[in-house]
PDB file of N, CA and C in Angstrom:
ATOM      1  N   MET A   1     115.634   0.457  47.091  1.00  0.00           N
ATOM      2  CA  MET A   1     115.076   1.274  48.149  1.00  0.00           C
ATOM      3  C   MET A   1     115.346   2.762  47.909  1.00  0.00           C
ATOM      4  N   LEU A   2     116.559   3.095  47.546  1.00  0.00           N
ATOM      5  CA  LEU A   2     116.904   4.479  47.277  1.00  0.00           C
ATOM      6  C   LEU A   2     116.086   5.020  46.105  1.00  0.00           C
ATOM      7  N   HIS A   3     115.899   4.193  45.101  1.00  0.00           N
ATOM      8  CA  HIS A   3     115.139   4.607  43.931  1.00  0.00           C
ATOM      9  C   HIS A   3     113.689   4.948  44.306  1.00  0.00           C
ATOM     10  N   LYS A   4     113.045   4.142  45.140  1.00  0.00           N
ATOM     11  CA  LYS A   4     111.668   4.396  45.551  1.00  0.00           C
ATOM     12  C   LYS A   4     111.569   5.683  46.359  1.00  0.00           C
ATOM     13  N   ARG A   5     112.563   5.951  47.196  1.00  0.00           N
ATOM     14  CA  ARG A   5     112.552   7.164  48.000  1.00  0.00           C
ATOM     15  C   ARG A   5     112.682   8.390  47.096  1.00  0.00           C
ATOM     16  N   ASN A   6     113.563   8.336  46.094  1.00  0.00           N
ATOM     17  CA  ASN A   6     113.708   9.454  45.160  1.00  0.00           C
ATOM     18  C   ASN A   6     112.430   9.677  44.368  1.00  0.00           C
ATOM     19  N   HIS A   7     111.788   8.575  43.985  1.00  0.00           N
ATOM     20  CA  HIS A   7     110.548   8.672  43.240  1.00  0.00           C
ATOM     21  C   HIS A   7     109.460   9.335  44.100  1.00  0.00           C
ATOM     22  N   ALA A   8     109.362   8.937  45.348  1.00  0.00           N
ATOM     23  CA  ALA A   8     108.371   9.516  46.251  1.00  0.00           C
ATOM     24  C   ALA A   8     108.661  10.995  46.494  1.00  0.00           C
ATOM     25  N   THR A   9     109.920  11.338  46.677  1.00  0.00           N
ATOM     26  CA  THR A   9     110.304  12.735  46.881  1.00  0.00           C
ATOM     27  C   THR A   9     109.925  13.572  45.663  1.00  0.00           C
ATOM     28  N   PHE A  10     110.187  13.033  44.486  1.00  0.00           N
ATOM     29  CA  PHE A  10     109.830  13.721  43.253  1.00  0.00           C
ATOM     30  C   PHE A  10     108.311  13.944  43.180  1.00  0.00           C
ATOM     31  N   LEU A  11     107.542  12.923  43.502  1.00  0.00           N
ATOM     32  CA  LEU A  11     106.089  13.053  43.446  1.00  0.00           C
ATOM     33  C   LEU A  11     105.577  14.095  44.445  1.00  0.00           C
ATOM     34  N   TYR A  12     106.136  14.103  45.650  1.00  0.00           N
ATOM     35  CA  TYR A  12     105.737  15.110  46.635  1.00  0.00           C
ATOM     36  C   TYR A  12     106.079  16.518  46.145  1.00  0.00           C
ATOM     37  N   ALA A  13     107.256  16.671  45.564  1.00  0.00           N
ATOM     38  CA  ALA A  13     107.658  17.980  45.043  1.00  0.00           C
ATOM     39  C   ALA A  13     106.741  18.415  43.905  1.00  0.00           C
ATOM     40  N   LEU A  14     106.413  17.484  43.021  1.00  0.00           N
ATOM     41  CA  LEU A  14     105.521  17.793  41.909  1.00  0.00           C
ATOM     42  C   LEU A  14     104.145  18.207  42.418  1.00  0.00           C
ATOM     43  N   LEU A  15     103.624  17.484  43.401  1.00  0.00           N
ATOM     44  CA  LEU A  15     102.329  17.842  43.973  1.00  0.00           C
ATOM     45  C   LEU A  15     102.369  19.211  44.640  1.00  0.00           C
ATOM     46  N   ALA A  16     103.462  19.532  45.299  1.00  0.00           N
ATOM     47  CA  ALA A  16     103.599  20.847  45.941  1.00  0.00           C
ATOM     48  C   ALA A  16     103.592  21.954  44.898  1.00  0.00           C
ATOM     49  N   VAL A  17     104.302  21.757  43.802  1.00  0.00           N
ATOM     50  CA  VAL A  17     104.344  22.762  42.728  1.00  0.00           C
ATOM     51  C   VAL A  17     102.962  22.935  42.120  1.00  0.00           C
ATOM     52  N   LEU A  18     102.285  21.831  41.855  1.00  0.00           N
ATOM     53  CA  LEU A  18     100.932  21.921  41.293  1.00  0.00           C
ATOM     54  C   LEU A  18      99.986  22.629  42.246  1.00  0.00           C
ATOM     55  N   ALA A  19     100.106  22.356  43.523  1.00  0.00           N
ATOM     56  CA  ALA A  19      99.248  23.012  44.514  1.00  0.00           C
ATOM     57  C   ALA A  19      99.494  24.514  44.515  1.00  0.00           C
ATOM     58  N   LEU A  20     100.742  24.926  44.416  1.00  0.00           N
ATOM     59  CA  LEU A  20     101.067  26.355  44.363  1.00  0.00           C
ATOM     60  C   LEU A  20     100.508  27.002  43.108  1.00  0.00           C
ATOM     61  N   CYS A  21     100.598  26.302  41.994  1.00  0.00           N
ATOM     62  CA  CYS A  21     100.086  26.843  40.730  1.00  0.00           C
ATOM     63  C   CYS A  21      98.585  27.083  40.803  1.00  0.00           C
ATOM     64  N   PHE A  22      97.866  26.133  41.354  1.00  0.00           N
ATOM     65  CA  PHE A  22      96.422  26.265  41.395  1.00  0.00           C
ATOM     66  C   PHE A  22      95.945  27.127  42.551  1.00  0.00           C
ATOM     67  N   ALA A  23      96.769  27.310  43.560  1.00  0.00           N
ATOM     68  CA  ALA A  23      96.375  28.130  44.705  1.00  0.00           C
ATOM     69  C   ALA A  23      96.720  29.595  44.498  1.00  0.00           C
ATOM     70  N   SER A  24      97.636  29.893  43.566  1.00  0.00           N
ATOM     71  CA  SER A  24      98.055  31.271  43.333  1.00  0.00           C
ATOM     72  C   SER A  24      96.930  32.058  42.699  1.00  0.00           C
ATOM     73  N   PRO A  25      96.795  33.325  43.088  1.00  0.00           N
ATOM     74  CA  PRO A  25      95.757  34.137  42.452  1.00  0.00           C
ATOM     75  C   PRO A  25      96.081  34.323  40.979  1.00  0.00           C
ATOM     76  N   ALA A  26      95.061  34.373  40.176  1.00  0.00           N
ATOM     77  CA  ALA A  26      95.255  34.544  38.734  1.00  0.00           C
ATOM     78  C   ALA A  26      95.782  35.942  38.446  1.00  0.00           C
ATOM     79  N   VAL A  27      96.654  36.029  37.487  1.00  0.00           N
ATOM     80  CA  VAL A  27      97.165  37.324  37.050  1.00  0.00           C
ATOM     81  C   VAL A  27      96.105  37.948  36.156  1.00  0.00           C
ATOM     82  N   ALA A  28      95.796  39.179  36.428  1.00  0.00           N
ATOM     83  CA  ALA A  28      94.765  39.852  35.650  1.00  0.00           C
ATOM     84  C   ALA A  28      95.194  39.991  34.204  1.00  0.00           C
ATOM     85  N   ASP A  29      94.256  39.710  33.335  1.00  0.00           N
ATOM     86  CA  ASP A  29      94.494  39.815  31.906  1.00  0.00           C
ATOM     87  C   ASP A  29      94.433  41.244  31.417  1.00  0.00           C
ATOM     88  N   ASP A  30      93.787  42.093  32.189  1.00  0.00           N
ATOM     89  CA  ASP A  30      93.521  43.444  31.716  1.00  0.00           C
ATOM     90  C   ASP A  30      94.250  44.521  32.505  1.00  0.00           C
ATOM     91  N   GLY A  31      95.302  44.152  33.195  1.00  0.00           N
ATOM     92  CA  GLY A  31      96.118  45.136  33.899  1.00  0.00           C
ATOM     93  C   GLY A  31      95.846  45.191  35.386  1.00  0.00           C
ATOM     94  N   ASP A  32      96.590  46.040  36.034  1.00  0.00           N
ATOM     95  CA  ASP A  32      96.525  46.205  37.480  1.00  0.00           C
ATOM     96  C   ASP A  32      95.869  47.543  37.804  1.00  0.00           C
ATOM     97  N   PRO A  33      94.653  47.521  38.372  1.00  0.00           N
ATOM     98  CA  PRO A  33      93.953  48.774  38.653  1.00  0.00           C
ATOM     99  C   PRO A  33      94.726  49.735  39.564  1.00  0.00           C
ATOM    100  N   ALA A  34      95.456  49.202  40.530  1.00  0.00           N
ATOM    101  CA  ALA A  34      96.211  50.073  41.444  1.00  0.00           C
ATOM    102  C   ALA A  34      97.332  50.799  40.702  1.00  0.00           C
ATOM    103  N   VAL A  35      97.995  50.093  39.807  1.00  0.00           N
ATOM    104  CA  VAL A  35      99.057  50.716  39.007  1.00  0.00           C
ATOM    105  C   VAL A  35      98.452  51.706  38.025  1.00  0.00           C
ATOM    106  N   ALA A  36      97.369  51.299  37.359  1.00  0.00           N
ATOM    107  CA  ALA A  36      96.717  52.161  36.376  1.00  0.00           C
ATOM    108  C   ALA A  36      96.271  53.482  37.008  1.00  0.00           C
ATOM    109  N   ALA A  37      95.750  53.423  38.223  1.00  0.00           N
ATOM    110  CA  ALA A  37      95.280  54.638  38.898  1.00  0.00           C
ATOM    111  C   ALA A  37      96.412  55.637  39.113  1.00  0.00           C
ATOM    112  N   LYS A  38      97.631  55.140  39.286  1.00  0.00           N
ATOM    113  CA  LYS A  38      98.779  56.028  39.491  1.00  0.00           C
ATOM    114  C   LYS A  38      99.172  56.769  38.214  1.00  0.00           C
ATOM    115  N   ALA A  39      98.684  56.291  37.063  1.00  0.00           N
ATOM    116  CA  ALA A  39      99.018  56.942  35.794  1.00  0.00           C
ATOM    117  C   ALA A  39      98.223  58.225  35.575  1.00  0.00           C
ATOM    118  N   TRP A  40      97.013  58.290  36.132  1.00  0.00           N
ATOM    119  CA  TRP A  40      96.148  59.428  35.821  1.00  0.00           C
ATOM    120  C   TRP A  40      96.708  60.782  36.223  1.00  0.00           C
ATOM    121  N   PRO A  41      97.325  60.943  37.384  1.00  0.00           N
ATOM    122  CA  PRO A  41      97.927  62.252  37.678  1.00  0.00           C
ATOM    123  C   PRO A  41      99.009  62.632  36.655  1.00  0.00           C
ATOM    124  N   LEU A  42      99.760  61.639  36.187  1.00  0.00           N
ATOM    125  CA  LEU A  42     100.781  61.913  35.173  1.00  0.00           C
ATOM    126  C   LEU A  42     100.129  62.367  33.873  1.00  0.00           C
ATOM    127  N   ILE A  43      99.089  61.642  33.459  1.00  0.00           N
ATOM    128  CA  ILE A  43      98.371  61.980  32.225  1.00  0.00           C
ATOM    129  C   ILE A  43      97.748  63.373  32.341  1.00  0.00           C
ATOM    130  N   GLU A  44      97.111  63.627  33.465  1.00  0.00           N
ATOM    131  CA  GLU A  44      96.458  64.932  33.665  1.00  0.00           C
ATOM    132  C   GLU A  44      97.454  66.076  33.722  1.00  0.00           C
ATOM    133  N   ASN A  45      98.712  65.773  34.061  1.00  0.00           N
ATOM    134  CA  ASN A  45      99.756  66.804  34.091  1.00  0.00           C
ATOM    135  C   ASN A  45     100.526  66.890  32.777  1.00  0.00           C
ATOM    136  N   GLY A  46      99.999  66.266  31.726  1.00  0.00           N
ATOM    137  CA  GLY A  46     100.581  66.445  30.402  1.00  0.00           C
ATOM    138  C   GLY A  46     101.510  65.366  29.904  1.00  0.00           C
ATOM    139  N   ALA A  47     101.592  64.228  30.580  1.00  0.00           N
ATOM    140  CA  ALA A  47     102.446  63.145  30.088  1.00  0.00           C
ATOM    141  C   ALA A  47     101.976  62.706  28.703  1.00  0.00           C
ATOM    142  N   LEU A  48     102.917  62.349  27.868  1.00  0.00           N
ATOM    143  CA  LEU A  48     102.594  61.781  26.566  1.00  0.00           C
ATOM    144  C   LEU A  48     102.036  60.384  26.801  1.00  0.00           C
ATOM    145  N   LEU A  49     100.873  60.100  26.251  1.00  0.00           N
ATOM    146  CA  LEU A  49     100.200  58.824  26.456  1.00  0.00           C
ATOM    147  C   LEU A  49     100.305  57.994  25.183  1.00  0.00           C
ATOM    148  N   ILE A  50     100.885  56.792  25.312  1.00  0.00           N
ATOM    149  CA  ILE A  50     101.087  55.930  24.156  1.00  0.00           C
ATOM    150  C   ILE A  50     100.500  54.553  24.418  1.00  0.00           C
ATOM    151  N   ASP A  51      99.619  54.145  23.515  1.00  0.00           N
ATOM    152  CA  ASP A  51      99.032  52.810  23.511  1.00  0.00           C
ATOM    153  C   ASP A  51      99.924  51.959  22.627  1.00  0.00           C
ATOM    154  N   VAL A  52     100.553  50.940  23.193  1.00  0.00           N
ATOM    155  CA  VAL A  52     101.527  50.141  22.433  1.00  0.00           C
ATOM    156  C   VAL A  52     100.925  48.845  21.896  1.00  0.00           C
ATOM    157  N   ARG A  53      99.598  48.777  21.830  1.00  0.00           N
ATOM    158  CA  ARG A  53      98.924  47.613  21.268  1.00  0.00           C
ATOM    159  C   ARG A  53      98.887  47.709  19.744  1.00  0.00           C
ATOM    160  N   THR A  54      98.289  46.713  19.122  1.00  0.00           N
ATOM    161  CA  THR A  54      98.156  46.711  17.667  1.00  0.00           C
ATOM    162  C   THR A  54      97.138  47.765  17.233  1.00  0.00           C
ATOM    163  N   ALA A  55      97.167  48.086  15.946  1.00  0.00           N
ATOM    164  CA  ALA A  55      96.213  49.050  15.398  1.00  0.00           C
ATOM    165  C   ALA A  55      94.775  48.564  15.571  1.00  0.00           C
ATOM    166  N   LYS A  56      94.549  47.269  15.426  1.00  0.00           N
ATOM    167  CA  LYS A  56      93.197  46.727  15.598  1.00  0.00           C
ATOM    168  C   LYS A  56      92.735  46.874  17.039  1.00  0.00           C
ATOM    169  N   GLU A  57      93.603  46.546  17.991  1.00  0.00           N
ATOM    170  CA  GLU A  57      93.234  46.707  19.398  1.00  0.00           C
ATOM    171  C   GLU A  57      92.918  48.171  19.704  1.00  0.00           C
ATOM    172  N   PHE A  58      93.737  49.059  19.172  1.00  0.00           N
ATOM    173  CA  PHE A  58      93.539  50.493  19.370  1.00  0.00           C
ATOM    174  C   PHE A  58      92.192  50.918  18.784  1.00  0.00           C
ATOM    175  N   ALA A  59      91.885  50.442  17.585  1.00  0.00           N
ATOM    176  CA  ALA A  59      90.623  50.789  16.932  1.00  0.00           C
ATOM    177  C   ALA A  59      89.418  50.280  17.718  1.00  0.00           C
ATOM    178  N   ASP A  60      89.595  49.178  18.432  1.00  0.00           N
ATOM    179  CA  ASP A  60      88.509  48.607  19.230  1.00  0.00           C
ATOM    180  C   ASP A  60      88.249  49.390  20.516  1.00  0.00           C
ATOM    181  N   GLY A  61      89.128  50.309  20.869  1.00  0.00           N
ATOM    182  CA  GLY A  61      88.964  51.138  22.059  1.00  0.00           C
ATOM    183  C   GLY A  61      90.308  51.572  22.591  1.00  0.00           C
ATOM    184  N   HIS A  62      90.382  52.822  23.015  1.00  0.00           N
ATOM    185  CA  HIS A  62      91.631  53.360  23.561  1.00  0.00           C
ATOM    186  C   HIS A  62      91.309  54.568  24.443  1.00  0.00           C
ATOM    187  N   ILE A  63      92.307  55.010  25.161  1.00  0.00           N
ATOM    188  CA  ILE A  63      92.166  56.191  26.007  1.00  0.00           C
ATOM    189  C   ILE A  63      92.267  57.425  25.114  1.00  0.00           C
ATOM    190  N   ASP A  64      91.335  58.356  25.283  1.00  0.00           N
ATOM    191  CA  ASP A  64      91.352  59.586  24.488  1.00  0.00           C
ATOM    192  C   ASP A  64      92.701  60.285  24.618  1.00  0.00           C
ATOM    193  N   GLY A  65      93.214  60.716  23.484  1.00  0.00           N
ATOM    194  CA  GLY A  65      94.478  61.450  23.460  1.00  0.00           C
ATOM    195  C   GLY A  65      95.704  60.572  23.301  1.00  0.00           C
ATOM    196  N   ALA A  66      95.518  59.255  23.326  1.00  0.00           N
ATOM    197  CA  ALA A  66      96.666  58.348  23.214  1.00  0.00           C
ATOM    198  C   ALA A  66      97.118  58.235  21.758  1.00  0.00           C
ATOM    199  N   LEU A  67      98.426  58.146  21.589  1.00  0.00           N
ATOM    200  CA  LEU A  67      99.001  57.786  20.298  1.00  0.00           C
ATOM    201  C   LEU A  67      99.028  56.269  20.224  1.00  0.00           C
ATOM    202  N   ASN A  68      98.952  55.718  19.034  1.00  0.00           N
ATOM    203  CA  ASN A  68      99.065  54.271  18.872  1.00  0.00           C
ATOM    204  C   ASN A  68     100.358  53.961  18.139  1.00  0.00           C
ATOM    205  N   ILE A  69     101.304  53.400  18.882  1.00  0.00           N
ATOM    206  CA  ILE A  69     102.580  52.967  18.322  1.00  0.00           C
ATOM    207  C   ILE A  69     102.869  51.591  18.898  1.00  0.00           C
ATOM    208  N   PRO A  70     102.844  50.540  18.074  1.00  0.00           N
ATOM    209  CA  PRO A  70     103.114  49.199  18.588  1.00  0.00           C
ATOM    210  C   PRO A  70     104.453  49.118  19.334  1.00  0.00           C
ATOM    211  N   TYR A  71     104.456  48.318  20.383  1.00  0.00           N
ATOM    212  CA  TYR A  71     105.587  48.250  21.309  1.00  0.00           C
ATOM    213  C   TYR A  71     106.920  47.940  20.652  1.00  0.00           C
ATOM    214  N   GLU A  72     106.924  47.153  19.580  1.00  0.00           N
ATOM    215  CA  GLU A  72     108.189  46.749  18.979  1.00  0.00           C
ATOM    216  C   GLU A  72     108.806  47.829  18.094  1.00  0.00           C
ATOM    217  N   GLU A  73     108.086  48.926  17.857  1.00  0.00           N
ATOM    218  CA  GLU A  73     108.587  50.011  17.015  1.00  0.00           C
ATOM    219  C   GLU A  73     109.331  51.049  17.858  1.00  0.00           C
ATOM    220  N   THR A  74     110.449  50.635  18.401  1.00  0.00           N
ATOM    221  CA  THR A  74     111.204  51.478  19.332  1.00  0.00           C
ATOM    222  C   THR A  74     111.626  52.802  18.705  1.00  0.00           C
ATOM    223  N   ASP A  75     112.063  52.782  17.458  1.00  0.00           N
ATOM    224  CA  ASP A  75     112.477  54.031  16.806  1.00  0.00           C
ATOM    225  C   ASP A  75     111.305  54.999  16.670  1.00  0.00           C
ATOM    226  N   THR A  76     110.141  54.480  16.335  1.00  0.00           N
ATOM    227  CA  THR A  76     108.952  55.327  16.204  1.00  0.00           C
ATOM    228  C   THR A  76     108.528  55.861  17.566  1.00  0.00           C
ATOM    229  N   LEU A  77     108.612  55.022  18.590  1.00  0.00           N
ATOM    230  CA  LEU A  77     108.308  55.480  19.950  1.00  0.00           C
ATOM    231  C   LEU A  77     109.241  56.610  20.350  1.00  0.00           C
ATOM    232  N   ALA A  78     110.538  56.417  20.111  1.00  0.00           N
ATOM    233  CA  ALA A  78     111.528  57.440  20.468  1.00  0.00           C
ATOM    234  C   ALA A  78     111.279  58.730  19.691  1.00  0.00           C
ATOM    235  N   ALA A  79     110.932  58.620  18.415  1.00  0.00           N
ATOM    236  CA  ALA A  79     110.657  59.811  17.606  1.00  0.00           C
ATOM    237  C   ALA A  79     109.439  60.560  18.145  1.00  0.00           C
ATOM    238  N   ALA A  80     108.415  59.828  18.570  1.00  0.00           N
ATOM    239  CA  ALA A  80     107.212  60.463  19.116  1.00  0.00           C
ATOM    240  C   ALA A  80     107.508  61.182  20.426  1.00  0.00           C
ATOM    241  N   ILE A  81     108.380  60.610  21.225  1.00  0.00           N
ATOM    242  CA  ILE A  81     108.742  61.229  22.505  1.00  0.00           C
ATOM    243  C   ILE A  81     109.606  62.461  22.274  1.00  0.00           C
ATOM    244  N   GLY A  82     110.530  62.354  21.336  1.00  0.00           N
ATOM    245  CA  GLY A  82     111.409  63.475  21.028  1.00  0.00           C
ATOM    246  C   GLY A  82     112.745  63.372  21.733  1.00  0.00           C
ATOM    247  N   ALA A  83     113.508  64.422  21.617  1.00  0.00           N
ATOM    248  CA  ALA A  83     114.873  64.424  22.129  1.00  0.00           C
ATOM    249  C   ALA A  83     114.964  64.533  23.650  1.00  0.00           C
ATOM    250  N   ASP A  84     113.906  65.011  24.286  1.00  0.00           N
ATOM    251  CA  ASP A  84     113.918  65.178  25.741  1.00  0.00           C
ATOM    252  C   ASP A  84     113.775  63.813  26.415  1.00  0.00           C
ATOM    253  N   LYS A  85     114.886  63.261  26.847  1.00  0.00           N
ATOM    254  CA  LYS A  85     114.888  61.928  27.446  1.00  0.00           C
ATOM    255  C   LYS A  85     114.297  61.919  28.857  1.00  0.00           C
ATOM    256  N   GLN A  86     113.983  63.111  29.382  1.00  0.00           N
ATOM    257  CA  GLN A  86     113.335  63.234  30.691  1.00  0.00           C
ATOM    258  C   GLN A  86     111.821  63.418  30.562  1.00  0.00           C
ATOM    259  N   ARG A  87     111.314  63.497  29.345  1.00  0.00           N
ATOM    260  CA  ARG A  87     109.885  63.727  29.129  1.00  0.00           C
ATOM    261  C   ARG A  87     109.061  62.623  29.786  1.00  0.00           C
ATOM    262  N   GLN A  88     107.996  63.022  30.456  1.00  0.00           N
ATOM    263  CA  GLN A  88     107.121  62.051  31.110  1.00  0.00           C
ATOM    264  C   GLN A  88     106.240  61.376  30.056  1.00  0.00           C
ATOM    265  N   VAL A  89     106.290  60.050  30.048  1.00  0.00           N
ATOM    266  CA  VAL A  89     105.538  59.248  29.091  1.00  0.00           C
ATOM    267  C   VAL A  89     104.816  58.140  29.859  1.00  0.00           C
ATOM    268  N   VAL A  90     103.570  57.896  29.479  1.00  0.00           N
ATOM    269  CA  VAL A  90     102.786  56.796  30.038  1.00  0.00           C
ATOM    270  C   VAL A  90     102.480  55.846  28.890  1.00  0.00           C
ATOM    271  N   VAL A  91     102.828  54.578  29.074  1.00  0.00           N
ATOM    272  CA  VAL A  91     102.532  53.559  28.069  1.00  0.00           C
ATOM    273  C   VAL A  91     101.568  52.537  28.665  1.00  0.00           C
ATOM    274  N   TYR A  92     100.726  51.984  27.807  1.00  0.00           N
ATOM    275  CA  TYR A  92      99.827  50.915  28.246  1.00  0.00           C
ATOM    276  C   TYR A  92      99.578  49.968  27.077  1.00  0.00           C
ATOM    277  N   CYS A  93      99.104  48.769  27.410  1.00  0.00           N
ATOM    278  CA  CYS A  93      98.754  47.779  26.393  1.00  0.00           C
ATOM    279  C   CYS A  93      97.497  47.058  26.882  1.00  0.00           C
ATOM    280  N   ARG A  94      97.429  45.753  26.731  1.00  0.00           N
ATOM    281  CA  ARG A  94      96.272  45.005  27.214  1.00  0.00           C
ATOM    282  C   ARG A  94      96.449  44.597  28.670  1.00  0.00           C
ATOM    283  N   SER A  95      97.644  44.108  28.994  1.00  0.00           N
ATOM    284  CA  SER A  95      97.872  43.590  30.345  1.00  0.00           C
ATOM    285  C   SER A  95      99.032  44.263  31.073  1.00  0.00           C
ATOM    286  N   GLY A  96      99.855  44.980  30.348  1.00  0.00           N
ATOM    287  CA  GLY A  96     101.056  45.595  30.920  1.00  0.00           C
ATOM    288  C   GLY A  96     102.337  44.963  30.423  1.00  0.00           C
ATOM    289  N   HIS A  97     102.238  43.784  29.813  1.00  0.00           N
ATOM    290  CA  HIS A  97     103.440  43.078  29.352  1.00  0.00           C
ATOM    291  C   HIS A  97     104.133  43.823  28.208  1.00  0.00           C
ATOM    292  N   ARG A  98     103.405  44.120  27.154  1.00  0.00           N
ATOM    293  CA  ARG A  98     104.015  44.824  26.016  1.00  0.00           C
ATOM    294  C   ARG A  98     104.447  46.229  26.413  1.00  0.00           C
ATOM    295  N   ALA A  99     103.683  46.868  27.290  1.00  0.00           N
ATOM    296  CA  ALA A  99     104.084  48.185  27.779  1.00  0.00           C
ATOM    297  C   ALA A  99     105.404  48.080  28.537  1.00  0.00           C
ATOM    298  N   GLY A 100     105.591  46.995  29.277  1.00  0.00           N
ATOM    299  CA  GLY A 100     106.850  46.768  29.974  1.00  0.00           C
ATOM    300  C   GLY A 100     108.005  46.568  29.013  1.00  0.00           C
ATOM    301  N   LEU A 101     107.750  45.867  27.915  1.00  0.00           N
ATOM    302  CA  LEU A 101     108.791  45.682  26.896  1.00  0.00           C
ATOM    303  C   LEU A 101     109.152  47.017  26.246  1.00  0.00           C
ATOM    304  N   ALA A 102     108.139  47.825  25.947  1.00  0.00           N
ATOM    305  CA  ALA A 102     108.390  49.144  25.364  1.00  0.00           C
ATOM    306  C   ALA A 102     109.180  50.016  26.337  1.00  0.00           C
ATOM    307  N   LYS A 103     108.784  49.990  27.598  1.00  0.00           N
ATOM    308  CA  LYS A 103     109.476  50.775  28.632  1.00  0.00           C
ATOM    309  C   LYS A 103     110.947  50.371  28.716  1.00  0.00           C
ATOM    310  N   ALA A 104     111.208  49.071  28.739  1.00  0.00           N
ATOM    311  CA  ALA A 104     112.589  48.588  28.832  1.00  0.00           C
ATOM    312  C   ALA A 104     113.400  49.012  27.607  1.00  0.00           C
ATOM    313  N   ALA A 105     112.810  48.923  26.429  1.00  0.00           N
ATOM    314  CA  ALA A 105     113.516  49.315  25.205  1.00  0.00           C
ATOM    315  C   ALA A 105     113.827  50.807  25.214  1.00  0.00           C
ATOM    316  N   LEU A 106     112.880  51.608  25.664  1.00  0.00           N
ATOM    317  CA  LEU A 106     113.101  53.055  25.726  1.00  0.00           C
ATOM    318  C   LEU A 106     114.133  53.420  26.789  1.00  0.00           C
ATOM    319  N   GLU A 107     114.085  52.745  27.912  1.00  0.00           N
ATOM    320  CA  GLU A 107     115.089  52.999  28.952  1.00  0.00           C
ATOM    321  C   GLU A 107     116.482  52.635  28.469  1.00  0.00           C
ATOM    322  N   LYS A 108     116.563  51.596  27.666  1.00  0.00           N
ATOM    323  CA  LYS A 108     117.854  51.213  27.083  1.00  0.00           C
ATOM    324  C   LYS A 108     118.387  52.321  26.176  1.00  0.00           C
ATOM    325  N   GLU A 109     117.472  53.096  25.590  1.00  0.00           N
ATOM    326  CA  GLU A 109     117.846  54.228  24.732  1.00  0.00           C
ATOM    327  C   GLU A 109     118.095  55.504  25.533  1.00  0.00           C
ATOM    328  N   GLY A 110     117.932  55.432  26.857  1.00  0.00           N
ATOM    329  CA  GLY A 110     118.240  56.576  27.707  1.00  0.00           C
ATOM    330  C   GLY A 110     117.049  57.352  28.225  1.00  0.00           C
ATOM    331  N   TYR A 111     115.836  56.952  27.870  1.00  0.00           N
ATOM    332  CA  TYR A 111     114.648  57.635  28.382  1.00  0.00           C
ATOM    333  C   TYR A 111     114.418  57.194  29.825  1.00  0.00           C
ATOM    334  N   SER A 112     114.091  58.160  30.686  1.00  0.00           N
ATOM    335  CA  SER A 112     114.051  57.820  32.110  1.00  0.00           C
ATOM    336  C   SER A 112     112.711  58.047  32.804  1.00  0.00           C
ATOM    337  N   ASN A 113     111.742  58.644  32.144  1.00  0.00           N
ATOM    338  CA  ASN A 113     110.447  58.908  32.779  1.00  0.00           C
ATOM    339  C   ASN A 113     109.319  58.179  32.060  1.00  0.00           C
ATOM    340  N   ILE A 114     109.483  56.887  31.899  1.00  0.00           N
ATOM    341  CA  ILE A 114     108.473  56.065  31.242  1.00  0.00           C
ATOM    342  C   ILE A 114     107.704  55.312  32.329  1.00  0.00           C
ATOM    343  N   PHE A 115     106.398  55.457  32.328  1.00  0.00           N
ATOM    344  CA  PHE A 115     105.553  54.789  33.321  1.00  0.00           C
ATOM    345  C   PHE A 115     104.686  53.759  32.613  1.00  0.00           C
ATOM    346  N   ASN A 116     104.759  52.508  33.068  1.00  0.00           N
ATOM    347  CA  ASN A 116     103.930  51.431  32.546  1.00  0.00           C
ATOM    348  C   ASN A 116     102.614  51.437  33.326  1.00  0.00           C
ATOM    349  N   ALA A 117     101.554  51.883  32.666  1.00  0.00           N
ATOM    350  CA  ALA A 117     100.245  51.995  33.318  1.00  0.00           C
ATOM    351  C   ALA A 117      99.477  50.684  33.300  1.00  0.00           C
ATOM    352  N   SER A 118     100.077  49.632  32.854  1.00  0.00           N
ATOM    353  CA  SER A 118      99.517  48.283  32.764  1.00  0.00           C
ATOM    354  C   SER A 118      98.502  48.206  31.640  1.00  0.00           C
ATOM    355  N   GLY A 119      97.295  47.725  31.901  1.00  0.00           N
ATOM    356  CA  GLY A 119      96.356  47.416  30.840  1.00  0.00           C
ATOM    357  C   GLY A 119      95.310  48.473  30.564  1.00  0.00           C
ATOM    358  N   TYR A 120      94.816  48.440  29.331  1.00  0.00           N
ATOM    359  CA  TYR A 120      93.800  49.391  28.872  1.00  0.00           C
ATOM    360  C   TYR A 120      92.553  49.379  29.760  1.00  0.00           C
ATOM    361  N   GLU A 121      91.999  48.213  30.027  1.00  0.00           N
ATOM    362  CA  GLU A 121      90.768  48.131  30.824  1.00  0.00           C
ATOM    363  C   GLU A 121      90.987  48.701  32.220  1.00  0.00           C
ATOM    364  N   ALA A 122      92.112  48.356  32.834  1.00  0.00           N
ATOM    365  CA  ALA A 122      92.401  48.885  34.178  1.00  0.00           C
ATOM    366  C   ALA A 122      92.563  50.385  34.140  1.00  0.00           C
ATOM    367  N   LEU A 123      93.226  50.886  33.106  1.00  0.00           N
ATOM    368  CA  LEU A 123      93.437  52.326  32.983  1.00  0.00           C
ATOM    369  C   LEU A 123      92.095  53.040  32.751  1.00  0.00           C
ATOM    370  N   LYS A 124      91.299  52.511  31.852  1.00  0.00           N
ATOM    371  CA  LYS A 124      89.987  53.085  31.555  1.00  0.00           C
ATOM    372  C   LYS A 124      89.103  53.086  32.800  1.00  0.00           C
ATOM    373  N   ASP A 125      89.081  51.965  33.521  1.00  0.00           N
ATOM    374  CA  ASP A 125      88.214  51.830  34.687  1.00  0.00           C
ATOM    375  C   ASP A 125      88.673  52.640  35.891  1.00  0.00           C
ATOM    376  N   SER A 126      89.946  53.016  35.923  1.00  0.00           N
ATOM    377  CA  SER A 126      90.456  53.770  37.068  1.00  0.00           C
ATOM    378  C   SER A 126      90.461  55.278  36.849  1.00  0.00           C
ATOM    379  N   LYS A 127      89.961  55.711  35.689  1.00  0.00           N
ATOM    380  CA  LYS A 127      89.954  57.146  35.402  1.00  0.00           C
ATOM    381  C   LYS A 127      89.112  57.883  36.448  1.00  0.00           C
ATOM    382  N   PRO A 128      89.690  58.918  37.038  1.00  0.00           N
ATOM    383  CA  PRO A 128      88.951  59.657  38.074  1.00  0.00           C
ATOM    384  C   PRO A 128      87.727  60.389  37.514  1.00  0.00           C
TER     385      PRO A 128
END
């Protein structure tokens, strides 16, 4: 009897988790437009803009004026930013994930004004 009750409880819990998974809104593949829109005032005020996607992704389209430095090249990112650890920098990728990794790596190195603008499409589409 106890075994059947545990089995039923497990099945109800599994169904609840599956329902939450399918009921949750999908995470955008191309970034968050609301976050991306907040990057434009920074960019327009002279923030260094870095696309942390691959060279091929960059070649397929990028924001004008952006440097292309893949997210895992932390030393190259730091060199591009320079010694001013307060310099305003905006990073973006396809969805915001790699930009978040780059931001975290740079913050670990002491940089404090790194803004993750999320994804390229969201950033491009939110340009004023």
